[in-house]
Amino acid sequence: MSTRANIVLQEKGSTLWLYHHCDGYPSYLGWKLMQIMEKHKKDYSDIFDIANEMFKDKEDDGFEITKGQHGDIEYLYLIDIQDKKIACLRPDESLLKSAKYDSDTDIQEWYKFCK
């Protein structure tokens, strides 16, 4: 069975929900999301820039836009563009890990969590 996840991109009151059909666990998707966010930590990017970055990855075609939280996910990733924050939660919203992606210390802690 696939490990499914939702990704929620938030910015200035706007929200974009994405669904990832497989490999949603932190050691794959959590790692990949931090890599994407690290690219955008200095330059301002909006939720559509970030989503576009996810969709243009030719090796990972598991992303799709959705309307809300799927009932079959195992992980929920929240990305706040304004606060430069990423969080990994369970579907019941219990926090597993959060990090500021503009902080080298937080980034390293995130990668340790994702192993």
C-alpha atoms as a PDB file:
ATOM      1  CA  MET A   1       0.000   0.000   0.000  1.00  0.00           C
ATOM      2  CA  SER A   2       1.228   3.499  -0.810  1.00  0.00           C
ATOM      3  CA  THR A   3       2.079   6.061   1.853  1.00  0.00           C
ATOM      4  CA  ARG A   4      -0.105   9.021   0.928  1.00  0.00           C
ATOM      5  CA  ALA A   5       0.272  12.620   2.053  1.00  0.00           C
ATOM      6  CA  ASN A   6      -1.232  16.064   1.698  1.00  0.00           C
ATOM      7  CA  ILE A   7       0.840  19.205   1.361  1.00  0.00           C
ATOM      8  CA  VAL A   8      -0.753  22.518   2.324  1.00  0.00           C
ATOM      9  CA  LEU A   9       0.902  25.670   0.997  1.00  0.00           C
ATOM     10  CA  GLN A  10      -0.211  28.799   2.852  1.00  0.00           C
ATOM     11  CA  GLU A  11       0.509  32.437   2.116  1.00  0.00           C
ATOM     12  CA  LYS A  12      -1.266  35.684   3.037  1.00  0.00           C
ATOM     13  CA  GLY A  13      -4.638  34.020   3.540  1.00  0.00           C
ATOM     14  CA  SER A  14      -4.357  31.865   0.404  1.00  0.00           C
ATOM     15  CA  THR A  15      -4.159  28.100   0.650  1.00  0.00           C
ATOM     16  CA  LEU A  16      -3.284  25.504  -1.963  1.00  0.00           C
ATOM     17  CA  TRP A  17      -3.837  21.817  -1.170  1.00  0.00           C
ATOM     18  CA  LEU A  18      -1.746  19.160  -2.897  1.00  0.00           C
ATOM     19  CA  TYR A  19      -1.968  15.399  -2.690  1.00  0.00           C
ATOM     20  CA  HIS A  20       0.965  13.015  -3.072  1.00  0.00           C
ATOM     21  CA  HIS A  21      -0.133   9.477  -3.881  1.00  0.00           C
ATOM     22  CA  CYS A  22       2.949   7.543  -2.731  1.00  0.00           C
ATOM     23  CA  ASP A  23       6.197   7.884  -0.777  1.00  0.00           C
ATOM     24  CA  GLY A  24       4.656  10.454   1.568  1.00  0.00           C
ATOM     25  CA  TYR A  25       6.845   9.437   4.499  1.00  0.00           C
ATOM     26  CA  PRO A  26       9.393  11.950   5.845  1.00  0.00           C
ATOM     27  CA  SER A  27      12.471  10.134   4.518  1.00  0.00           C
ATOM     28  CA  TYR A  28      11.253  10.757   0.959  1.00  0.00           C
ATOM     29  CA  LEU A  29       8.641  13.518   0.746  1.00  0.00           C
ATOM     30  CA  GLY A  30       9.748  15.400   3.872  1.00  0.00           C
ATOM     31  CA  TRP A  31      13.295  15.435   2.510  1.00  0.00           C
ATOM     32  CA  LYS A  32      12.154  16.521  -0.971  1.00  0.00           C
ATOM     33  CA  LEU A  33       9.964  19.334   0.383  1.00  0.00           C
ATOM     34  CA  MET A  34      12.821  20.769   2.441  1.00  0.00           C
ATOM     35  CA  GLN A  35      15.097  20.677  -0.605  1.00  0.00           C
ATOM     36  CA  ILE A  36      12.500  22.649  -2.572  1.00  0.00           C
ATOM     37  CA  MET A  37      11.976  25.146   0.235  1.00  0.00           C
ATOM     38  CA  GLU A  38      15.722  25.668   0.728  1.00  0.00           C
ATOM     39  CA  LYS A  39      15.894  26.863  -2.889  1.00  0.00           C
ATOM     40  CA  HIS A  40      13.279  29.497  -2.061  1.00  0.00           C
ATOM     41  CA  LYS A  41      14.490  30.626   1.358  1.00  0.00           C
ATOM     42  CA  LYS A  42      16.201  33.815   0.187  1.00  0.00           C
ATOM     43  CA  ASP A  43      14.009  34.843  -2.723  1.00  0.00           C
ATOM     44  CA  TYR A  44      10.347  35.490  -2.127  1.00  0.00           C
ATOM     45  CA  SER A  45       8.199  32.857  -3.788  1.00  0.00           C
ATOM     46  CA  ASP A  46       4.451  32.515  -3.744  1.00  0.00           C
ATOM     47  CA  ILE A  47       2.471  29.297  -3.339  1.00  0.00           C
ATOM     48  CA  PHE A  48       2.243  28.899  -7.105  1.00  0.00           C
ATOM     49  CA  ASP A  49       6.037  29.155  -7.566  1.00  0.00           C
ATOM     50  CA  ILE A  50       6.475  26.414  -4.960  1.00  0.00           C
ATOM     51  CA  ALA A  51       3.755  24.207  -6.476  1.00  0.00           C
ATOM     52  CA  ASN A  52       5.279  24.684  -9.926  1.00  0.00           C
ATOM     53  CA  GLU A  53       8.637  23.525  -8.555  1.00  0.00           C
ATOM     54  CA  MET A  54       6.966  20.342  -7.289  1.00  0.00           C
ATOM     55  CA  PHE A  55       5.159  19.647 -10.564  1.00  0.00           C
ATOM     56  CA  LYS A  56       8.181  20.158 -12.806  1.00  0.00           C
ATOM     57  CA  ASP A  57      10.103  17.319 -11.119  1.00  0.00           C
ATOM     58  CA  LYS A  58      10.158  14.719 -13.920  1.00  0.00           C
ATOM     59  CA  GLU A  59      11.211  11.934 -11.530  1.00  0.00           C
ATOM     60  CA  ASP A  60       8.228  12.463  -9.223  1.00  0.00           C
ATOM     61  CA  ASP A  61       4.820  12.583 -10.852  1.00  0.00           C
ATOM     62  CA  GLY A  62       2.936  11.917  -7.610  1.00  0.00           C
ATOM     63  CA  PHE A  63       1.735  15.498  -6.993  1.00  0.00           C
ATOM     64  CA  GLU A  64      -1.779  16.645  -7.807  1.00  0.00           C
ATOM     65  CA  ILE A  65      -3.941  19.584  -6.785  1.00  0.00           C
ATOM     66  CA  THR A  66      -6.840  18.720  -4.500  1.00  0.00           C
ATOM     67  CA  LYS A  67      -9.618  20.499  -2.597  1.00  0.00           C
ATOM     68  CA  GLY A  68      -8.783  19.418   0.943  1.00  0.00           C
ATOM     69  CA  GLN A  69      -7.456  16.706   3.181  1.00  0.00           C
ATOM     70  CA  HIS A  70      -7.812  13.183   1.820  1.00  0.00           C
ATOM     71  CA  GLY A  71      -9.146  10.553   4.195  1.00  0.00           C
ATOM     72  CA  ASP A  72      -6.421   8.021   3.428  1.00  0.00           C
ATOM     73  CA  ILE A  73      -3.264  10.034   4.173  1.00  0.00           C
ATOM     74  CA  GLU A  74      -0.600   9.128   6.698  1.00  0.00           C
ATOM     75  CA  TYR A  75       1.214  12.467   6.724  1.00  0.00           C
ATOM     76  CA  LEU A  76       0.210  16.103   6.425  1.00  0.00           C
ATOM     77  CA  TYR A  77       2.867  18.692   5.535  1.00  0.00           C
ATOM     78  CA  LEU A  78       2.146  22.374   6.183  1.00  0.00           C
ATOM     79  CA  ILE A  79       4.304  25.001   4.501  1.00  0.00           C
ATOM     80  CA  ASP A  80       3.862  28.632   5.529  1.00  0.00           C
ATOM     81  CA  ILE A  81       5.537  30.817   2.903  1.00  0.00           C
ATOM     82  CA  GLN A  82       5.416  34.042   4.946  1.00  0.00           C
ATOM     83  CA  ASP A  83       6.890  32.528   8.118  1.00  0.00           C
ATOM     84  CA  LYS A  84       9.283  30.276   6.146  1.00  0.00           C
ATOM     85  CA  LYS A  85       8.104  27.301   8.153  1.00  0.00           C
ATOM     86  CA  ILE A  86       7.499  23.657   7.322  1.00  0.00           C
ATOM     87  CA  ALA A  87       5.772  21.123   9.562  1.00  0.00           C
ATOM     88  CA  CYS A  88       5.045  17.414   9.389  1.00  0.00           C
ATOM     89  CA  LEU A  89       1.908  16.194  11.134  1.00  0.00           C
ATOM     90  CA  ARG A  90      -0.240  13.106  11.385  1.00  0.00           C
ATOM     91  CA  PRO A  91      -3.725  13.387   9.826  1.00  0.00           C
ATOM     92  CA  ASP A  92      -5.170  14.105  13.288  1.00  0.00           C
ATOM     93  CA  GLU A  93      -2.831  17.157  13.250  1.00  0.00           C
ATOM     94  CA  SER A  94      -0.536  15.878  15.999  1.00  0.00           C
ATOM     95  CA  LEU A  95       2.826  17.520  15.308  1.00  0.00           C
ATOM     96  CA  LEU A  96       5.774  15.275  14.470  1.00  0.00           C
ATOM     97  CA  LYS A  97       8.320  17.987  13.555  1.00  0.00           C
ATOM     98  CA  SER A  98       8.497  21.618  12.472  1.00  0.00           C
ATOM     99  CA  ALA A  99      11.352  23.751  11.188  1.00  0.00           C
ATOM    100  CA  LYS A 100      12.148  27.191   9.822  1.00  0.00           C
ATOM    101  CA  TYR A 101      13.622  26.668   6.364  1.00  0.00           C
ATOM    102  CA  ASP A 102      15.681  29.848   6.619  1.00  0.00           C
ATOM    103  CA  SER A 103      17.530  28.539   9.695  1.00  0.00           C
ATOM    104  CA  ASP A 104      20.528  26.280   9.048  1.00  0.00           C
ATOM    105  CA  THR A 105      20.102  24.677  12.480  1.00  0.00           C
ATOM    106  CA  ASP A 106      16.427  23.916  11.874  1.00  0.00           C
ATOM    107  CA  ILE A 107      17.201  22.570   8.400  1.00  0.00           C
ATOM    108  CA  GLN A 108      19.755  20.129   9.795  1.00  0.00           C
ATOM    109  CA  GLU A 109      17.310  19.021  12.511  1.00  0.00           C
ATOM    110  CA  TRP A 110      14.641  18.471   9.845  1.00  0.00           C
ATOM    111  CA  TYR A 111      16.964  16.267   7.800  1.00  0.00           C
ATOM    112  CA  LYS A 112      17.819  14.234  10.929  1.00  0.00           C
ATOM    113  CA  PHE A 113      14.088  13.746  11.546  1.00  0.00           C
ATOM    114  CA  CYS A 114      13.613  12.623   7.943  1.00  0.00           C
ATOM    115  CA  LYS A 115      16.221   9.860   8.066  1.00  0.00           C
END
